[in-house]
């Protein structure tokens, strides 16, 4: 039995949890290839024009997995915190994939806390779909959840250490599926590393800080994943030299959230919007100009301090 996991969208939120859960049950996992031009082109062919870049990439990863596994994991996630919701694309993933790829066996679970559909029940459900007992599935989930928490905590601690660095520090603020997909943000990361700039990632923030920190920018935003980005920006912006906002065209929640961020946060900021037509040369030029601004500002502060 093999379960295919597309390395896009939800993968970048739940990869540690999924990996540990299936390992505990001794289920073989097959991952799609890293995002490349072919994957994006296949996803484009399956998408409507209004689909954001991230969804096009996701469908390309589904296409990459077909005929390579027994099941493809496609969750439906609506509400991960009561009174909030996630992007509508996450709500519709199951239906989109089911309609576009009717021959794929989908391994599905549903999370909607407003209706009492908890994560633990969801993982018990997928375990039972694969033939495991309630106890086996629940124990595997508890073990996987602990591993996920520990790994996230380790990454947050490592990031906090970077804040004491004497190097220039730049916060990259975006959804994890943009941040960690090398095809989308890889060029940005490479340039930052080449400039010896310390990279701070917006998804690495303690969960208990999110509500408090986000309120400093917006008191009524109800998209859970955008709240995390906004909270992280407020948490880190006084500790970094600049910020790069990355969004996938045409993301509706991002367009509103980014406008609020620009109005409330006084920090040198570069906003990059990615679509399938992005030019590496254009991105490089904008990044180099941004780095020049950060260096000039830091030099001016240094001279005033002496």
C-alpha atoms as a PDB file:
ATOM      1  CA  UNK A   1       0.000   0.000   0.000  1.00  0.00           C
ATOM      2  CA  UNK A   2       1.402   3.397  -0.983  1.00  0.00           C
ATOM      3  CA  UNK A   3       0.067   6.886  -0.248  1.00  0.00           C
ATOM      4  CA  UNK A   4       1.058   9.742  -2.550  1.00  0.00           C
ATOM      5  CA  UNK A   5       1.583  13.196  -1.078  1.00  0.00           C
ATOM      6  CA  UNK A   6       1.718  16.250  -3.384  1.00  0.00           C
ATOM      7  CA  UNK A   7       4.511  18.615  -2.338  1.00  0.00           C
ATOM      8  CA  UNK A   8       2.418  21.761  -2.602  1.00  0.00           C
ATOM      9  CA  UNK A   9      -0.121  23.830  -0.611  1.00  0.00           C
ATOM     10  CA  UNK A  10      -0.999  21.878   2.570  1.00  0.00           C
ATOM     11  CA  UNK A  11       2.203  19.816   2.410  1.00  0.00           C
ATOM     12  CA  UNK A  12       4.153  22.799   3.745  1.00  0.00           C
ATOM     13  CA  UNK A  13       1.894  23.027   6.810  1.00  0.00           C
ATOM     14  CA  UNK A  14       1.541  19.336   7.625  1.00  0.00           C
ATOM     15  CA  UNK A  15       4.512  17.453   6.191  1.00  0.00           C
ATOM     16  CA  UNK A  16       5.999  16.535   9.595  1.00  0.00           C
ATOM     17  CA  UNK A  17       2.634  15.324  10.877  1.00  0.00           C
ATOM     18  CA  UNK A  18       1.836  13.307   7.750  1.00  0.00           C
ATOM     19  CA  UNK A  19       5.294  11.742   7.516  1.00  0.00           C
ATOM     20  CA  UNK A  20       5.327  10.656  11.178  1.00  0.00           C
ATOM     21  CA  UNK A  21       1.731   9.357  11.058  1.00  0.00           C
ATOM     22  CA  UNK A  22       2.286   7.123   8.046  1.00  0.00           C
ATOM     23  CA  UNK A  23       5.662   5.949   9.341  1.00  0.00           C
ATOM     24  CA  UNK A  24       4.051   4.915  12.629  1.00  0.00           C
ATOM     25  CA  UNK A  25       1.505   2.851  10.676  1.00  0.00           C
ATOM     26  CA  UNK A  26       4.275   1.474   8.420  1.00  0.00           C
ATOM     27  CA  UNK A  27       2.564   2.837   5.307  1.00  0.00           C
ATOM     28  CA  UNK A  28       4.827   3.653   2.386  1.00  0.00           C
ATOM     29  CA  UNK A  29       4.698   7.285   1.258  1.00  0.00           C
ATOM     30  CA  UNK A  30       5.469   8.497  -2.266  1.00  0.00           C
ATOM     31  CA  UNK A  31       6.124  12.204  -2.735  1.00  0.00           C
ATOM     32  CA  UNK A  32       5.659  14.155  -5.935  1.00  0.00           C
ATOM     33  CA  UNK A  33       8.771  15.640  -7.517  1.00  0.00           C
ATOM     34  CA  UNK A  34       9.984  19.120  -6.617  1.00  0.00           C
ATOM     35  CA  UNK A  35       8.111  21.838  -8.482  1.00  0.00           C
ATOM     36  CA  UNK A  36       9.507  22.450 -11.952  1.00  0.00           C
ATOM     37  CA  UNK A  37       8.352  23.993 -15.218  1.00  0.00           C
ATOM     38  CA  UNK A  38       6.710  20.766 -16.414  1.00  0.00           C
ATOM     39  CA  UNK A  39       4.705  20.393 -13.214  1.00  0.00           C
ATOM     40  CA  UNK A  40       3.515  23.999 -13.417  1.00  0.00           C
ATOM     41  CA  UNK A  41       2.539  23.638 -17.087  1.00  0.00           C
ATOM     42  CA  UNK A  42       0.501  20.496 -16.343  1.00  0.00           C
ATOM     43  CA  UNK A  43      -1.228  22.290 -13.497  1.00  0.00           C
ATOM     44  CA  UNK A  44      -2.021  25.277 -15.731  1.00  0.00           C
ATOM     45  CA  UNK A  45      -3.724  23.030 -18.266  1.00  0.00           C
ATOM     46  CA  UNK A  46      -6.014  21.681 -15.551  1.00  0.00           C
ATOM     47  CA  UNK A  47      -6.803  25.067 -13.990  1.00  0.00           C
ATOM     48  CA  UNK A  48      -9.252  27.832 -14.749  1.00  0.00           C
ATOM     49  CA  UNK A  49      -7.761  31.260 -15.454  1.00  0.00           C
ATOM     50  CA  UNK A  50      -8.762  32.630 -12.029  1.00  0.00           C
ATOM     51  CA  UNK A  51      -6.754  29.963 -10.156  1.00  0.00           C
ATOM     52  CA  UNK A  52      -3.837  31.312  -8.164  1.00  0.00           C
ATOM     53  CA  UNK A  53      -0.306  30.178  -8.937  1.00  0.00           C
ATOM     54  CA  UNK A  54      -0.203  28.001  -5.802  1.00  0.00           C
ATOM     55  CA  UNK A  55      -3.304  26.048  -6.883  1.00  0.00           C
ATOM     56  CA  UNK A  56      -1.914  25.578 -10.399  1.00  0.00           C
ATOM     57  CA  UNK A  57       1.278  24.195  -8.881  1.00  0.00           C
ATOM     58  CA  UNK A  58      -0.762  21.873  -6.649  1.00  0.00           C
ATOM     59  CA  UNK A  59      -2.688  20.385  -9.562  1.00  0.00           C
ATOM     60  CA  UNK A  60       0.584  19.814 -11.368  1.00  0.00           C
ATOM     61  CA  UNK A  61       1.775  17.812  -8.360  1.00  0.00           C
ATOM     62  CA  UNK A  62      -1.411  15.741  -8.408  1.00  0.00           C
ATOM     63  CA  UNK A  63      -0.747  14.989 -12.074  1.00  0.00           C
ATOM     64  CA  UNK A  64       2.830  14.053 -11.171  1.00  0.00           C
ATOM     65  CA  UNK A  65       1.579  11.435  -8.684  1.00  0.00           C
ATOM     66  CA  UNK A  66      -1.065   9.696 -10.811  1.00  0.00           C
ATOM     67  CA  UNK A  67      -0.243   6.040 -11.528  1.00  0.00           C
ATOM     68  CA  UNK A  68       2.569   6.144  -8.944  1.00  0.00           C
ATOM     69  CA  UNK A  69       0.645   5.165  -5.793  1.00  0.00           C
ATOM     70  CA  UNK A  70      -2.498   3.470  -4.485  1.00  0.00           C
ATOM     71  CA  UNK A  71      -3.954   6.600  -2.900  1.00  0.00           C
ATOM     72  CA  UNK A  72      -3.317  10.340  -3.106  1.00  0.00           C
ATOM     73  CA  UNK A  73      -3.812  12.306   0.110  1.00  0.00           C
ATOM     74  CA  UNK A  74      -6.174  15.249  -0.515  1.00  0.00           C
ATOM     75  CA  UNK A  75      -7.642  16.711   2.697  1.00  0.00           C
ATOM     76  CA  UNK A  76     -10.478  19.195   2.967  1.00  0.00           C
ATOM     77  CA  UNK A  77      -9.672  21.896   5.509  1.00  0.00           C
ATOM     78  CA  UNK A  78     -12.193  24.593   6.312  1.00  0.00           C
ATOM     79  CA  UNK A  79     -11.737  25.783   9.908  1.00  0.00           C
ATOM     80  CA  UNK A  80      -8.658  25.141  12.083  1.00  0.00           C
ATOM     81  CA  UNK A  81      -9.709  27.632  14.767  1.00  0.00           C
ATOM     82  CA  UNK A  82     -13.282  28.395  15.786  1.00  0.00           C
ATOM     83  CA  UNK A  83     -14.670  31.511  14.145  1.00  0.00           C
ATOM     84  CA  UNK A  84     -11.973  31.549  11.460  1.00  0.00           C
ATOM     85  CA  UNK A  85     -11.494  29.895   8.099  1.00  0.00           C
ATOM     86  CA  UNK A  86      -8.727  29.133   5.636  1.00  0.00           C
ATOM     87  CA  UNK A  87      -8.447  29.887   1.930  1.00  0.00           C
ATOM     88  CA  UNK A  88     -11.396  28.654  -0.109  1.00  0.00           C
ATOM     89  CA  UNK A  89      -8.984  26.650  -2.263  1.00  0.00           C
ATOM     90  CA  UNK A  90      -8.284  24.433   0.751  1.00  0.00           C
ATOM     91  CA  UNK A  91     -12.021  23.915   1.204  1.00  0.00           C
ATOM     92  CA  UNK A  92     -12.424  22.835  -2.397  1.00  0.00           C
ATOM     93  CA  UNK A  93      -9.324  20.683  -2.963  1.00  0.00           C
ATOM     94  CA  UNK A  94     -11.128  17.367  -2.673  1.00  0.00           C
ATOM     95  CA  UNK A  95     -13.857  18.358  -5.143  1.00  0.00           C
ATOM     96  CA  UNK A  96     -11.396  19.892  -7.599  1.00  0.00           C
ATOM     97  CA  UNK A  97      -9.117  16.844  -7.630  1.00  0.00           C
ATOM     98  CA  UNK A  98     -12.033  14.391  -7.678  1.00  0.00           C
ATOM     99  CA  UNK A  99     -13.568  16.091 -10.717  1.00  0.00           C
ATOM    100  CA  UNK A 100     -10.333  16.603 -12.641  1.00  0.00           C
ATOM    101  CA  UNK A 101      -8.852  13.180 -11.849  1.00  0.00           C
ATOM    102  CA  UNK A 102     -11.798  10.758 -11.423  1.00  0.00           C
ATOM    103  CA  UNK A 103      -9.516   7.703 -11.734  1.00  0.00           C
ATOM    104  CA  UNK A 104      -7.345   8.633  -8.736  1.00  0.00           C
ATOM    105  CA  UNK A 105      -8.138   6.974  -5.407  1.00  0.00           C
ATOM    106  CA  UNK A 106      -8.312   9.860  -2.964  1.00  0.00           C
ATOM    107  CA  UNK A 107      -7.445   9.445   0.702  1.00  0.00           C
ATOM    108  CA  UNK A 108      -9.466  12.228   2.285  1.00  0.00           C
ATOM    109  CA  UNK A 109     -10.119  13.730   5.681  1.00  0.00           C
ATOM    110  CA  UNK A 110     -12.108  16.748   6.811  1.00  0.00           C
ATOM    111  CA  UNK A 111     -11.238  19.372   9.440  1.00  0.00           C
ATOM    112  CA  UNK A 112     -13.851  21.942  10.451  1.00  0.00           C
ATOM    113  CA  UNK A 113     -13.712  22.908  14.135  1.00  0.00           C
ATOM    114  CA  UNK A 114     -16.863  25.031  13.853  1.00  0.00           C
ATOM    115  CA  UNK A 115     -18.719  21.769  13.178  1.00  0.00           C
ATOM    116  CA  UNK A 116     -16.762  19.657  15.682  1.00  0.00           C
ATOM    117  CA  UNK A 117     -14.625  17.908  13.056  1.00  0.00           C
ATOM    118  CA  UNK A 118     -11.287  17.821  14.877  1.00  0.00           C
ATOM    119  CA  UNK A 119      -7.860  16.908  13.566  1.00  0.00           C
ATOM    120  CA  UNK A 120      -7.625  13.823  15.791  1.00  0.00           C
ATOM    121  CA  UNK A 121     -10.904  12.451  14.363  1.00  0.00           C
ATOM    122  CA  UNK A 122      -9.657  13.191  10.856  1.00  0.00           C
ATOM    123  CA  UNK A 123      -6.515  11.107  11.312  1.00  0.00           C
ATOM    124  CA  UNK A 124      -8.426   8.258  12.903  1.00  0.00           C
ATOM    125  CA  UNK A 125     -10.643   8.365   9.829  1.00  0.00           C
ATOM    126  CA  UNK A 126      -7.774   8.082   7.335  1.00  0.00           C
ATOM    127  CA  UNK A 127      -6.194   5.315   9.406  1.00  0.00           C
ATOM    128  CA  UNK A 128      -9.411   3.347   9.309  1.00  0.00           C
ATOM    129  CA  UNK A 129      -9.713   3.945   5.551  1.00  0.00           C
ATOM    130  CA  UNK A 130      -6.366   2.187   5.224  1.00  0.00           C
ATOM    131  CA  UNK A 131      -7.510  -0.772   7.319  1.00  0.00           C
ATOM    132  CA  UNK A 132      -6.087   0.144  10.734  1.00  0.00           C
ATOM    133  CA  UNK A 133      -8.037   0.011  13.976  1.00  0.00           C
ATOM    134  CA  UNK A 134      -9.238   3.022  15.956  1.00  0.00           C
ATOM    135  CA  UNK A 135      -6.541   2.467  18.591  1.00  0.00           C
ATOM    136  CA  UNK A 136      -3.753   2.024  16.034  1.00  0.00           C
ATOM    137  CA  UNK A 137      -4.802   5.167  14.188  1.00  0.00           C
ATOM    138  CA  UNK A 138      -5.232   7.261  17.340  1.00  0.00           C
ATOM    139  CA  UNK A 139      -1.889   6.209  18.805  1.00  0.00           C
ATOM    140  CA  UNK A 140      -0.162   6.941  15.503  1.00  0.00           C
ATOM    141  CA  UNK A 141      -1.741  10.400  15.481  1.00  0.00           C
ATOM    142  CA  UNK A 142      -0.673  11.181  19.072  1.00  0.00           C
ATOM    143  CA  UNK A 143       2.889  10.119  18.318  1.00  0.00           C
ATOM    144  CA  UNK A 144       2.965  12.111  15.073  1.00  0.00           C
ATOM    145  CA  UNK A 145       1.523  15.195  16.766  1.00  0.00           C
ATOM    146  CA  UNK A 146       4.279  15.153  19.374  1.00  0.00           C
ATOM    147  CA  UNK A 147       6.940  14.865  16.660  1.00  0.00           C
ATOM    148  CA  UNK A 148       5.368  17.760  14.755  1.00  0.00           C
ATOM    149  CA  UNK A 149       5.308  19.999  17.853  1.00  0.00           C
ATOM    150  CA  UNK A 150       8.917  19.214  18.736  1.00  0.00           C
ATOM    151  CA  UNK A 151      10.208  19.897  15.213  1.00  0.00           C
ATOM    152  CA  UNK A 152       8.342  23.197  14.999  1.00  0.00           C
ATOM    153  CA  UNK A 153       9.692  24.231  18.396  1.00  0.00           C
ATOM    154  CA  UNK A 154      13.248  23.396  17.346  1.00  0.00           C
ATOM    155  CA  UNK A 155      12.943  25.497  14.184  1.00  0.00           C
ATOM    156  CA  UNK A 156      11.513  28.452  16.112  1.00  0.00           C
ATOM    157  CA  UNK A 157      14.345  28.301  18.659  1.00  0.00           C
ATOM    158  CA  UNK A 158      16.944  28.187  15.874  1.00  0.00           C
ATOM    159  CA  UNK A 159      15.334  31.188  14.205  1.00  0.00           C
ATOM    160  CA  UNK A 160      15.276  33.196  17.443  1.00  0.00           C
ATOM    161  CA  UNK A 161      19.051  32.688  17.708  1.00  0.00           C
ATOM    162  CA  UNK A 162      19.503  34.333  14.306  1.00  0.00           C
ATOM    163  CA  UNK A 163      18.049  37.584  15.656  1.00  0.00           C
ATOM    164  CA  UNK A 164      21.236  38.272  17.635  1.00  0.00           C
ATOM    165  CA  UNK A 165      23.342  38.087  14.453  1.00  0.00           C
ATOM    166  CA  UNK A 166      25.338  41.139  13.344  1.00  0.00           C
ATOM    167  CA  UNK A 167      24.385  40.414   9.722  1.00  0.00           C
ATOM    168  CA  UNK A 168      21.596  42.139   7.849  1.00  0.00           C
ATOM    169  CA  UNK A 169      18.341  40.374   8.684  1.00  0.00           C
ATOM    170  CA  UNK A 170      15.359  40.124   6.345  1.00  0.00           C
ATOM    171  CA  UNK A 171      11.944  38.737   7.207  1.00  0.00           C
ATOM    172  CA  UNK A 172      10.353  36.773   4.353  1.00  0.00           C
ATOM    173  CA  UNK A 173       6.618  36.890   4.910  1.00  0.00           C
ATOM    174  CA  UNK A 174       4.329  34.579   2.983  1.00  0.00           C
ATOM    175  CA  UNK A 175       2.478  31.296   3.145  1.00  0.00           C
ATOM    176  CA  UNK A 176       4.777  28.286   3.605  1.00  0.00           C
ATOM    177  CA  UNK A 177       3.770  26.892   0.200  1.00  0.00           C
ATOM    178  CA  UNK A 178       5.318  30.010  -1.332  1.00  0.00           C
ATOM    179  CA  UNK A 179       8.259  30.309   1.058  1.00  0.00           C
ATOM    180  CA  UNK A 180       9.577  26.779   0.759  1.00  0.00           C
ATOM    181  CA  UNK A 181       8.737  25.912  -2.837  1.00  0.00           C
ATOM    182  CA  UNK A 182      12.075  26.343  -4.605  1.00  0.00           C
ATOM    183  CA  UNK A 183      10.390  27.065  -7.942  1.00  0.00           C
ATOM    184  CA  UNK A 184       8.448  30.012  -6.480  1.00  0.00           C
ATOM    185  CA  UNK A 185      10.806  31.549  -3.904  1.00  0.00           C
ATOM    186  CA  UNK A 186      14.053  29.769  -4.677  1.00  0.00           C
ATOM    187  CA  UNK A 187      15.517  32.727  -6.572  1.00  0.00           C
ATOM    188  CA  UNK A 188      14.790  35.041  -3.644  1.00  0.00           C
ATOM    189  CA  UNK A 189      16.392  32.679  -1.124  1.00  0.00           C
ATOM    190  CA  UNK A 190      19.487  32.212  -3.291  1.00  0.00           C
ATOM    191  CA  UNK A 191      20.028  35.959  -3.592  1.00  0.00           C
ATOM    192  CA  UNK A 192      19.625  36.465   0.154  1.00  0.00           C
ATOM    193  CA  UNK A 193      22.151  33.729   0.861  1.00  0.00           C
ATOM    194  CA  UNK A 194      24.592  35.134  -1.694  1.00  0.00           C
ATOM    195  CA  UNK A 195      24.386  38.513   0.047  1.00  0.00           C
ATOM    196  CA  UNK A 196      25.085  36.802   3.404  1.00  0.00           C
ATOM    197  CA  UNK A 197      21.757  38.023   4.773  1.00  0.00           C
ATOM    198  CA  UNK A 198      20.116  36.250   7.712  1.00  0.00           C
ATOM    199  CA  UNK A 199      16.701  34.943   6.635  1.00  0.00           C
ATOM    200  CA  UNK A 200      13.786  35.056   9.075  1.00  0.00           C
ATOM    201  CA  UNK A 201      10.694  33.050   8.038  1.00  0.00           C
ATOM    202  CA  UNK A 202       7.180  34.216   8.886  1.00  0.00           C
ATOM    203  CA  UNK A 203       5.754  30.754   9.610  1.00  0.00           C
ATOM    204  CA  UNK A 204       8.131  30.279  12.557  1.00  0.00           C
ATOM    205  CA  UNK A 205       6.218  31.877  15.404  1.00  0.00           C
ATOM    206  CA  UNK A 206       4.863  30.417  18.632  1.00  0.00           C
ATOM    207  CA  UNK A 207       1.142  29.619  18.096  1.00  0.00           C
ATOM    208  CA  UNK A 208       0.137  31.256  21.383  1.00  0.00           C
ATOM    209  CA  UNK A 209       1.445  34.628  20.132  1.00  0.00           C
ATOM    210  CA  UNK A 210      -0.641  34.758  16.955  1.00  0.00           C
ATOM    211  CA  UNK A 211      -3.878  36.300  18.247  1.00  0.00           C
ATOM    212  CA  UNK A 212      -2.118  38.924  20.383  1.00  0.00           C
ATOM    213  CA  UNK A 213       0.405  40.018  17.764  1.00  0.00           C
ATOM    214  CA  UNK A 214      -2.088  40.032  14.886  1.00  0.00           C
ATOM    215  CA  UNK A 215      -4.419  42.386  16.769  1.00  0.00           C
ATOM    216  CA  UNK A 216      -1.766  45.107  16.472  1.00  0.00           C
ATOM    217  CA  UNK A 217      -2.361  45.119  12.701  1.00  0.00           C
ATOM    218  CA  UNK A 218      -5.968  43.916  12.373  1.00  0.00           C
ATOM    219  CA  UNK A 219      -8.634  43.019  14.919  1.00  0.00           C
ATOM    220  CA  UNK A 220     -11.106  41.376  12.567  1.00  0.00           C
ATOM    221  CA  UNK A 221      -9.234  39.384   9.929  1.00  0.00           C
ATOM    222  CA  UNK A 222     -10.663  35.841   9.903  1.00  0.00           C
ATOM    223  CA  UNK A 223      -8.284  33.953   7.608  1.00  0.00           C
ATOM    224  CA  UNK A 224      -6.182  31.780   9.910  1.00  0.00           C
ATOM    225  CA  UNK A 225      -3.111  31.550   7.696  1.00  0.00           C
ATOM    226  CA  UNK A 226      -3.039  35.285   6.978  1.00  0.00           C
ATOM    227  CA  UNK A 227      -3.360  35.946  10.709  1.00  0.00           C
ATOM    228  CA  UNK A 228      -0.186  33.916  11.226  1.00  0.00           C
ATOM    229  CA  UNK A 229       1.682  36.009   8.654  1.00  0.00           C
ATOM    230  CA  UNK A 230       0.480  39.295  10.137  1.00  0.00           C
ATOM    231  CA  UNK A 231       1.304  38.192  13.676  1.00  0.00           C
ATOM    232  CA  UNK A 232       4.774  37.131  12.637  1.00  0.00           C
ATOM    233  CA  UNK A 233       5.412  40.445  10.900  1.00  0.00           C
ATOM    234  CA  UNK A 234       4.455  42.403  13.997  1.00  0.00           C
ATOM    235  CA  UNK A 235       6.472  40.050  16.195  1.00  0.00           C
ATOM    236  CA  UNK A 236       9.661  40.341  14.152  1.00  0.00           C
ATOM    237  CA  UNK A 237       9.602  43.685  12.347  1.00  0.00           C
ATOM    238  CA  UNK A 238      11.501  45.633  15.028  1.00  0.00           C
ATOM    239  CA  UNK A 239      14.199  42.945  15.053  1.00  0.00           C
ATOM    240  CA  UNK A 240      14.990  42.880  11.319  1.00  0.00           C
ATOM    241  CA  UNK A 241      16.344  45.353   8.779  1.00  0.00           C
ATOM    242  CA  UNK A 242      13.800  44.760   6.046  1.00  0.00           C
ATOM    243  CA  UNK A 243      10.935  42.597   4.850  1.00  0.00           C
ATOM    244  CA  UNK A 244      10.059  40.789   1.626  1.00  0.00           C
ATOM    245  CA  UNK A 245       6.373  40.051   1.100  1.00  0.00           C
ATOM    246  CA  UNK A 246       5.688  37.223  -1.340  1.00  0.00           C
ATOM    247  CA  UNK A 247       2.277  36.383  -2.760  1.00  0.00           C
ATOM    248  CA  UNK A 248       0.962  34.165  -5.542  1.00  0.00           C
ATOM    249  CA  UNK A 249      -1.184  35.948  -8.139  1.00  0.00           C
ATOM    250  CA  UNK A 250      -4.143  36.480  -7.770  1.00  0.00           C
ATOM    251  CA  UNK A 251      -4.563  35.626  -4.061  1.00  0.00           C
ATOM    252  CA  UNK A 252      -7.541  37.574  -2.674  1.00  0.00           C
ATOM    253  CA  UNK A 253      -6.822  37.240   1.084  1.00  0.00           C
ATOM    254  CA  UNK A 254      -3.183  38.219   0.522  1.00  0.00           C
ATOM    255  CA  UNK A 255      -4.087  41.370  -1.401  1.00  0.00           C
ATOM    256  CA  UNK A 256      -6.157  42.649   1.528  1.00  0.00           C
ATOM    257  CA  UNK A 257      -3.747  41.527   4.250  1.00  0.00           C
ATOM    258  CA  UNK A 258      -0.714  43.039   2.522  1.00  0.00           C
ATOM    259  CA  UNK A 259      -2.459  46.390   2.186  1.00  0.00           C
ATOM    260  CA  UNK A 260      -3.088  46.433   5.951  1.00  0.00           C
ATOM    261  CA  UNK A 261       0.518  45.430   6.636  1.00  0.00           C
ATOM    262  CA  UNK A 262       1.927  48.240   4.498  1.00  0.00           C
ATOM    263  CA  UNK A 263      -0.207  50.786   6.362  1.00  0.00           C
ATOM    264  CA  UNK A 264       0.705  49.595   9.868  1.00  0.00           C
ATOM    265  CA  UNK A 265       4.349  48.472   9.636  1.00  0.00           C
ATOM    266  CA  UNK A 266       7.132  51.017   9.154  1.00  0.00           C
ATOM    267  CA  UNK A 267       9.917  48.926   7.633  1.00  0.00           C
ATOM    268  CA  UNK A 268      11.736  48.857   4.269  1.00  0.00           C
ATOM    269  CA  UNK A 269       9.572  46.435   2.302  1.00  0.00           C
ATOM    270  CA  UNK A 270       9.703  44.712  -1.068  1.00  0.00           C
ATOM    271  CA  UNK A 271       6.493  43.107  -2.341  1.00  0.00           C
ATOM    272  CA  UNK A 272       6.929  40.362  -4.933  1.00  0.00           C
ATOM    273  CA  UNK A 273       3.879  38.887  -6.684  1.00  0.00           C
ATOM    274  CA  UNK A 274       4.622  35.634  -8.497  1.00  0.00           C
ATOM    275  CA  UNK A 275       2.797  34.133 -11.435  1.00  0.00           C
ATOM    276  CA  UNK A 276       3.770  31.702 -14.176  1.00  0.00           C
ATOM    277  CA  UNK A 277       5.284  34.500 -16.275  1.00  0.00           C
ATOM    278  CA  UNK A 278       7.806  35.809 -13.741  1.00  0.00           C
ATOM    279  CA  UNK A 279      11.172  36.922 -15.104  1.00  0.00           C
ATOM    280  CA  UNK A 280      14.257  35.919 -13.095  1.00  0.00           C
ATOM    281  CA  UNK A 281      16.039  39.017 -14.401  1.00  0.00           C
ATOM    282  CA  UNK A 282      13.278  41.324 -13.178  1.00  0.00           C
ATOM    283  CA  UNK A 283      13.292  39.722  -9.733  1.00  0.00           C
ATOM    284  CA  UNK A 284      17.078  40.007  -9.508  1.00  0.00           C
ATOM    285  CA  UNK A 285      17.000  43.714 -10.355  1.00  0.00           C
ATOM    286  CA  UNK A 286      14.379  44.462  -7.711  1.00  0.00           C
ATOM    287  CA  UNK A 287      16.195  42.420  -5.078  1.00  0.00           C
ATOM    288  CA  UNK A 288      19.524  44.132  -5.765  1.00  0.00           C
ATOM    289  CA  UNK A 289      17.900  47.569  -5.418  1.00  0.00           C
ATOM    290  CA  UNK A 290      16.272  46.469  -2.162  1.00  0.00           C
ATOM    291  CA  UNK A 291      19.572  45.170  -0.776  1.00  0.00           C
ATOM    292  CA  UNK A 292      21.250  48.484  -1.639  1.00  0.00           C
ATOM    293  CA  UNK A 293      18.574  50.330   0.352  1.00  0.00           C
ATOM    294  CA  UNK A 294      19.045  48.065   3.380  1.00  0.00           C
ATOM    295  CA  UNK A 295      22.832  48.397   3.304  1.00  0.00           C
ATOM    296  CA  UNK A 296      22.683  52.179   2.971  1.00  0.00           C
ATOM    297  CA  UNK A 297      20.257  52.428   5.874  1.00  0.00           C
ATOM    298  CA  UNK A 298      22.411  50.207   8.082  1.00  0.00           C
ATOM    299  CA  UNK A 299      25.547  52.214   7.244  1.00  0.00           C
ATOM    300  CA  UNK A 300      23.752  55.461   8.082  1.00  0.00           C
ATOM    301  CA  UNK A 301      22.620  54.078  11.444  1.00  0.00           C
ATOM    302  CA  UNK A 302      26.146  52.887  12.152  1.00  0.00           C
ATOM    303  CA  UNK A 303      27.643  56.293  11.384  1.00  0.00           C
ATOM    304  CA  UNK A 304      25.082  58.090  13.570  1.00  0.00           C
ATOM    305  CA  UNK A 305      25.860  55.665  16.394  1.00  0.00           C
ATOM    306  CA  UNK A 306      29.508  56.690  16.271  1.00  0.00           C
END
